[in-house]
Amino acid sequence: MASVSSPTRLRAHLVAARLAGVVATSREESLRSYRLFAARDPRVLIGIDPEGRWEVRDLIGLMARKCGVSDDPRYTTGPDVIDPERTLAALDAFAGRIREVSRRGAPVLLGTGHPHRLLGFYAGLADALSAAGCEVLTPAQGRCVDILTRFGLRPHRLDYVRGVGLVREPTSERPGCEPGAHTHSPLPVRVALDAAAAAGGPLPALVVGDHGWVCGAGQLGFEAIGLADTDDPALFVGEAEGRVSVVVPVDDAVRSAHYRPLARYVLNRACLSQ
């Protein structure tokens, strides 16, 4: 895949890969998440405890400003839209936080609830940060985390791949199974941060990830940055209320290869190399 280090070329890639522009996430999915968030459903709060009262109309307005979705509450069916200019601006801010922590050589923690799609994106950042002198933390490796799924409470194991935290179900030990589980839960990052504190070792100056990794860390007072789709209002509420530093609006479920140009763009802007 050709380099897309310039904003113009990356913008074209975002739209062509449907990372931004018209995305696969539907308006119905997004509105369902907004309704659940307004009702303070933990499955959608994913670690954030909102200070304000967020009604559905407030969330639509916030997501219109942050992502570029329609601000018309009468638009209830069809595809959602992410403004690629907002994605680019957020990637620049995201790169700024990566650049600042790399210059200090400060410890970082990375984790994802989308290992099948986003592991490569975060792993590229972890490699570059490690090369820049940052300690990439891997606390509580192997620790059991009980996560609520649609099948009930299920045990998972916290693991790290190339410095990126994720959780695995016990069945993932079987040959041919996927390397990690999809989850929105903030429990993995809470377990990791508790373990780091209990060990008396370094704590992260920056947490990088998505879903509960960002919200859970931000709620605990750690600086956190990450990626989020239009049906993930918790991260944007966290940003609006000052507990999350940067959220990049982007479809988080396209082919993993499509995120590589984003990693290259971030590292270029952060003055780092893979």
Protein backbone atom coordinates (compact mmCIF):
# COMPACT_ATOMS: atom_id res chain seq x y z
CA MET A 1 0.00 0.00 0.00
CA ALA A 2 1.42 3.36 -1.01
CA SER A 3 2.40 5.91 1.59
CA VAL A 4 -0.37 8.32 2.53
CA SER A 5 1.64 10.60 4.78
CA SER A 6 0.08 13.79 3.41
CA PRO A 7 -3.34 14.94 4.70
CA THR A 8 -4.74 15.03 1.18
CA ARG A 9 -3.76 11.45 0.39
CA LEU A 10 -4.85 10.18 3.79
CA ARG A 11 -8.20 11.90 3.38
CA ALA A 12 -8.70 10.04 0.10
CA HIS A 13 -7.74 6.77 1.79
CA LEU A 14 -10.17 7.37 4.66
CA VAL A 15 -13.06 7.80 2.25
CA ALA A 16 -12.05 4.98 -0.10
CA ALA A 17 -11.66 2.48 2.76
CA ARG A 18 -14.85 3.76 4.41
CA LEU A 19 -12.97 4.65 7.56
CA ALA A 20 -14.66 8.02 7.19
CA GLY A 21 -17.23 9.49 4.82
CA VAL A 22 -20.15 7.08 4.52
CA VAL A 23 -19.34 4.27 6.96
CA ALA A 24 -20.77 0.82 7.61
CA THR A 25 -22.13 1.76 11.04
CA SER A 26 -25.82 2.49 10.65
CA ARG A 27 -27.82 5.36 12.08
CA GLU A 28 -29.99 2.78 13.81
CA GLU A 29 -26.96 1.34 15.64
CA SER A 30 -25.76 4.78 16.68
CA LEU A 31 -29.17 5.93 17.94
CA ARG A 32 -29.57 2.71 19.91
CA SER A 33 -26.24 3.42 21.63
CA TYR A 34 -27.29 7.01 22.37
CA ARG A 35 -30.53 5.82 23.95
CA LEU A 36 -28.69 3.29 26.10
CA PHE A 37 -26.09 5.88 27.11
CA ALA A 38 -28.82 8.35 28.08
CA ALA A 39 -30.29 5.58 30.25
CA ARG A 40 -26.79 5.05 31.75
CA ASP A 41 -26.56 1.44 30.64
CA PRO A 42 -23.12 0.16 31.74
CA ARG A 43 -22.72 -1.72 28.45
CA VAL A 44 -22.51 1.62 26.65
CA LEU A 45 -20.93 3.75 29.41
CA ILE A 46 -17.90 1.37 29.20
CA GLY A 47 -16.17 2.88 32.21
CA ILE A 48 -17.21 6.52 32.01
CA ASP A 49 -19.36 7.96 34.81
CA PRO A 50 -20.87 11.05 33.16
CA GLU A 51 -20.93 14.21 35.24
CA GLY A 52 -23.67 15.82 33.16
CA ARG A 53 -27.11 14.65 32.15
CA TRP A 54 -26.85 13.47 28.57
CA GLU A 55 -30.14 13.07 26.74
CA VAL A 56 -30.35 11.58 23.26
CA ARG A 57 -30.67 15.04 21.67
CA ASP A 58 -27.51 16.15 23.52
CA LEU A 59 -25.61 13.12 22.29
CA ILE A 60 -26.73 13.67 18.70
CA GLY A 61 -25.45 17.25 18.93
CA LEU A 62 -22.15 16.15 20.45
CA MET A 63 -21.59 13.44 17.86
CA ALA A 64 -22.47 15.86 15.06
CA ARG A 65 -19.77 18.24 16.32
CA LYS A 66 -17.16 15.57 16.98
CA CYS A 67 -17.82 13.12 14.14
CA GLY A 68 -19.91 14.91 11.55
CA VAL A 69 -22.99 12.69 11.83
CA SER A 70 -26.34 14.24 10.98
CA ASP A 71 -27.65 16.55 13.70
CA ASP A 72 -31.23 15.99 12.56
CA PRO A 73 -33.07 13.79 15.11
CA ARG A 74 -35.57 12.93 12.36
CA TYR A 75 -32.84 11.06 10.48
CA THR A 76 -33.31 7.62 11.97
CA THR A 77 -32.42 5.08 9.27
CA GLY A 78 -29.60 4.68 6.81
CA PRO A 79 -25.81 4.90 6.95
CA ASP A 80 -23.91 7.11 9.35
CA VAL A 81 -21.29 9.59 8.17
CA ILE A 82 -17.93 10.62 9.63
CA ASP A 83 -16.42 13.86 8.38
CA PRO A 84 -12.86 12.97 7.20
CA GLU A 85 -11.69 16.48 8.08
CA ARG A 86 -12.63 15.84 11.69
CA THR A 87 -10.78 12.53 11.55
CA LEU A 88 -7.65 14.24 10.21
CA ALA A 89 -7.78 16.99 12.84
CA ALA A 90 -8.16 14.43 15.61
CA LEU A 91 -5.29 12.32 14.21
CA ASP A 92 -3.07 15.40 14.35
CA ALA A 93 -4.01 15.95 18.00
CA PHE A 94 -3.52 12.22 18.68
CA ALA A 95 -0.04 12.40 17.12
CA GLY A 96 0.74 15.42 19.27
CA ARG A 97 0.15 13.42 22.45
CA ILE A 98 2.27 10.54 21.09
CA ARG A 99 5.05 12.99 20.23
CA GLU A 100 4.98 14.60 23.68
CA VAL A 101 5.18 11.30 25.60
CA SER A 102 7.92 9.98 23.30
CA ARG A 103 10.06 13.07 23.87
CA ARG A 104 9.84 12.47 27.61
CA GLY A 105 10.50 8.75 27.25
CA ALA A 106 7.53 8.22 29.56
CA PRO A 107 5.85 4.84 30.16
CA VAL A 108 2.77 3.99 28.10
CA LEU A 109 0.02 1.39 28.15
CA LEU A 110 -1.78 0.26 25.00
CA GLY A 111 -4.85 -1.93 24.73
CA THR A 112 -7.71 -2.77 22.41
CA GLY A 113 -11.16 -4.26 22.50
CA HIS A 114 -10.93 -4.74 18.72
CA PRO A 115 -7.88 -7.03 18.38
CA HIS A 116 -9.00 -8.48 15.04
CA ARG A 117 -9.11 -5.02 13.44
CA LEU A 118 -6.92 -2.63 15.41
CA LEU A 119 -4.11 -4.71 16.90
CA GLY A 120 -1.74 -3.83 14.06
CA PHE A 121 -2.43 -0.10 14.41
CA TYR A 122 -1.55 -0.06 18.11
CA ALA A 123 1.34 -2.50 17.71
CA GLY A 124 2.98 -0.11 15.23
CA LEU A 125 2.70 2.69 17.78
CA ALA A 126 4.05 0.43 20.55
CA ASP A 127 7.08 -0.53 18.45
CA ALA A 128 7.88 3.10 17.67
CA LEU A 129 7.38 4.28 21.26
CA SER A 130 9.59 1.50 22.56
CA ALA A 131 12.30 2.46 20.06
CA ALA A 132 12.02 6.06 21.27
CA GLY A 133 12.79 4.99 24.84
CA CYS A 134 9.29 4.66 26.29
CA GLU A 135 8.58 1.66 28.47
CA VAL A 136 5.61 -0.18 26.99
CA LEU A 137 3.89 -1.60 30.07
CA THR A 138 2.36 -5.09 30.25
CA PRO A 139 0.96 -5.34 33.80
CA ALA A 140 -1.19 -8.26 34.99
CA GLN A 141 -0.32 -10.47 32.05
CA GLY A 142 -2.18 -13.76 32.38
CA ARG A 143 -4.56 -12.41 35.00
CA CYS A 144 -8.16 -13.65 34.89
CA VAL A 145 -10.82 -11.04 34.10
CA ASP A 146 -14.51 -11.94 34.38
CA ILE A 147 -16.34 -10.06 31.62
CA LEU A 148 -20.08 -9.84 31.11
CA THR A 149 -21.00 -11.06 27.62
CA ARG A 150 -24.32 -11.80 25.94
CA PHE A 151 -23.86 -15.35 27.23
CA GLY A 152 -23.41 -14.17 30.83
CA LEU A 153 -20.28 -13.69 32.93
CA ARG A 154 -17.36 -15.37 31.20
CA PRO A 155 -13.74 -15.70 32.35
CA HIS A 156 -11.14 -14.11 30.07
CA ARG A 157 -7.38 -13.88 30.31
CA LEU A 158 -5.50 -10.58 30.01
CA ASP A 159 -2.69 -10.92 27.49
CA TYR A 160 -0.33 -8.71 25.47
CA VAL A 161 0.64 -9.09 21.83
CA ARG A 162 3.53 -6.89 20.67
CA GLY A 163 2.93 -4.70 23.70
CA VAL A 164 -0.82 -4.29 23.15
CA GLY A 165 -3.26 -5.48 25.79
CA LEU A 166 -6.26 -7.62 24.87
CA VAL A 167 -8.35 -10.37 26.40
CA ARG A 168 -8.74 -13.96 25.30
CA GLU A 169 -11.50 -16.42 26.04
CA PRO A 170 -10.40 -19.87 27.29
CA THR A 171 -11.55 -21.38 23.97
CA SER A 172 -8.96 -19.26 22.15
CA GLU A 173 -6.36 -21.83 23.15
CA ARG A 174 -7.76 -24.15 20.52
CA PRO A 175 -5.94 -24.22 17.17
CA GLY A 176 -7.52 -21.95 14.58
CA CYS A 177 -9.34 -19.72 17.07
CA GLU A 178 -9.08 -15.95 16.87
CA PRO A 179 -6.19 -14.39 18.85
CA GLY A 180 -8.35 -12.12 20.99
CA ALA A 181 -11.90 -11.29 21.99
CA HIS A 182 -13.94 -8.24 21.08
CA THR A 183 -14.99 -6.38 24.21
CA HIS A 184 -16.16 -2.96 25.37
CA SER A 185 -15.41 -3.71 29.02
CA PRO A 186 -13.28 -1.34 31.13
CA LEU A 187 -12.29 -4.22 33.44
CA PRO A 188 -9.08 -5.17 31.56
CA VAL A 189 -7.55 -1.73 31.95
CA ARG A 190 -8.68 -1.49 35.57
CA VAL A 191 -7.03 -4.83 36.33
CA ALA A 192 -3.85 -3.75 34.51
CA LEU A 193 -3.63 -0.39 36.30
CA ASP A 194 -4.39 -1.92 39.70
CA ALA A 195 -1.64 -4.49 39.15
CA ALA A 196 0.87 -1.83 38.10
CA ALA A 197 0.10 0.24 41.20
CA ALA A 198 0.24 -2.78 43.52
CA ALA A 199 3.62 -3.79 42.12
CA GLY A 200 5.02 -0.33 42.84
CA GLY A 201 6.26 -0.14 39.27
CA PRO A 202 5.80 2.69 36.78
CA LEU A 203 2.33 3.88 35.92
CA PRO A 204 1.50 4.99 32.39
CA ALA A 205 1.81 8.64 31.45
CA LEU A 206 -0.49 7.85 28.53
CA VAL A 207 -3.02 5.10 27.79
CA VAL A 208 -3.72 4.46 24.11
CA GLY A 209 -6.58 2.32 22.85
CA ASP A 210 -10.32 2.14 22.33
CA HIS A 211 -13.56 1.20 24.08
CA GLY A 212 -13.12 0.45 27.79
CA TRP A 213 -9.33 0.82 27.68
CA VAL A 214 -9.74 4.55 27.07
CA CYS A 215 -12.86 5.19 29.14
CA GLY A 216 -11.72 3.08 32.08
CA ALA A 217 -8.31 4.75 32.21
CA GLY A 218 -9.71 8.24 31.74
CA GLN A 219 -12.24 7.76 34.52
CA LEU A 220 -9.37 6.79 36.85
CA GLY A 221 -7.49 9.99 36.04
CA PHE A 222 -4.96 8.70 33.52
CA GLU A 223 -4.44 10.59 30.29
CA ALA A 224 -6.08 8.51 27.57
CA ILE A 225 -6.42 8.81 23.81
CA GLY A 226 -8.03 6.53 21.26
CA LEU A 227 -10.25 5.70 18.32
CA ALA A 228 -14.05 5.51 18.34
CA ASP A 229 -16.92 4.85 15.96
CA THR A 230 -20.21 6.75 15.72
CA ASP A 231 -21.91 4.24 18.03
CA ASP A 232 -19.34 4.76 20.81
CA PRO A 233 -20.58 7.97 22.49
CA ALA A 234 -18.83 7.25 25.80
CA LEU A 235 -15.39 8.25 24.51
CA PHE A 236 -16.69 11.52 23.08
CA VAL A 237 -18.56 12.32 26.29
CA GLY A 238 -15.35 11.58 28.18
CA GLU A 239 -13.53 14.01 25.90
CA ALA A 240 -16.24 16.66 26.30
CA GLU A 241 -16.08 16.34 30.09
CA GLY A 242 -12.28 16.42 30.20
CA ARG A 243 -11.47 12.83 31.16
CA VAL A 244 -10.30 11.71 27.72
CA SER A 245 -7.69 13.80 25.91
CA VAL A 246 -8.25 12.93 22.23
CA VAL A 247 -10.77 10.77 20.39
CA VAL A 248 -10.35 10.05 16.68
CA PRO A 249 -13.69 9.47 14.92
CA VAL A 250 -13.27 6.51 12.59
CA ASP A 251 -15.06 3.29 11.67
CA ASP A 252 -13.43 0.74 13.96
CA ALA A 253 -14.43 -2.42 12.12
CA VAL A 254 -12.96 -2.32 8.62
CA ARG A 255 -10.12 -4.59 7.42
CA SER A 256 -7.04 -4.35 9.62
CA ALA A 257 -4.76 -3.44 6.70
CA HIS A 258 -6.69 -0.20 6.18
CA TYR A 259 -5.45 1.17 9.52
CA ARG A 260 -1.76 0.90 8.60
CA PRO A 261 -1.72 4.24 6.74
CA LEU A 262 -3.22 5.87 9.83
CA ALA A 263 -0.39 4.51 11.96
CA ARG A 264 2.18 5.77 9.46
CA TYR A 265 0.52 9.18 9.39
CA VAL A 266 0.50 9.42 13.20
CA LEU A 267 4.14 8.35 13.50
CA ASN A 268 5.16 10.79 10.78
CA ARG A 269 3.36 13.62 12.56
CA ALA A 270 4.85 12.53 15.88
CA CYS A 271 8.36 12.58 14.33
CA LEU A 272 8.79 8.86 14.99
CA SER A 273 9.54 5.97 12.67
CA GLN A 274 8.31 2.38 12.68
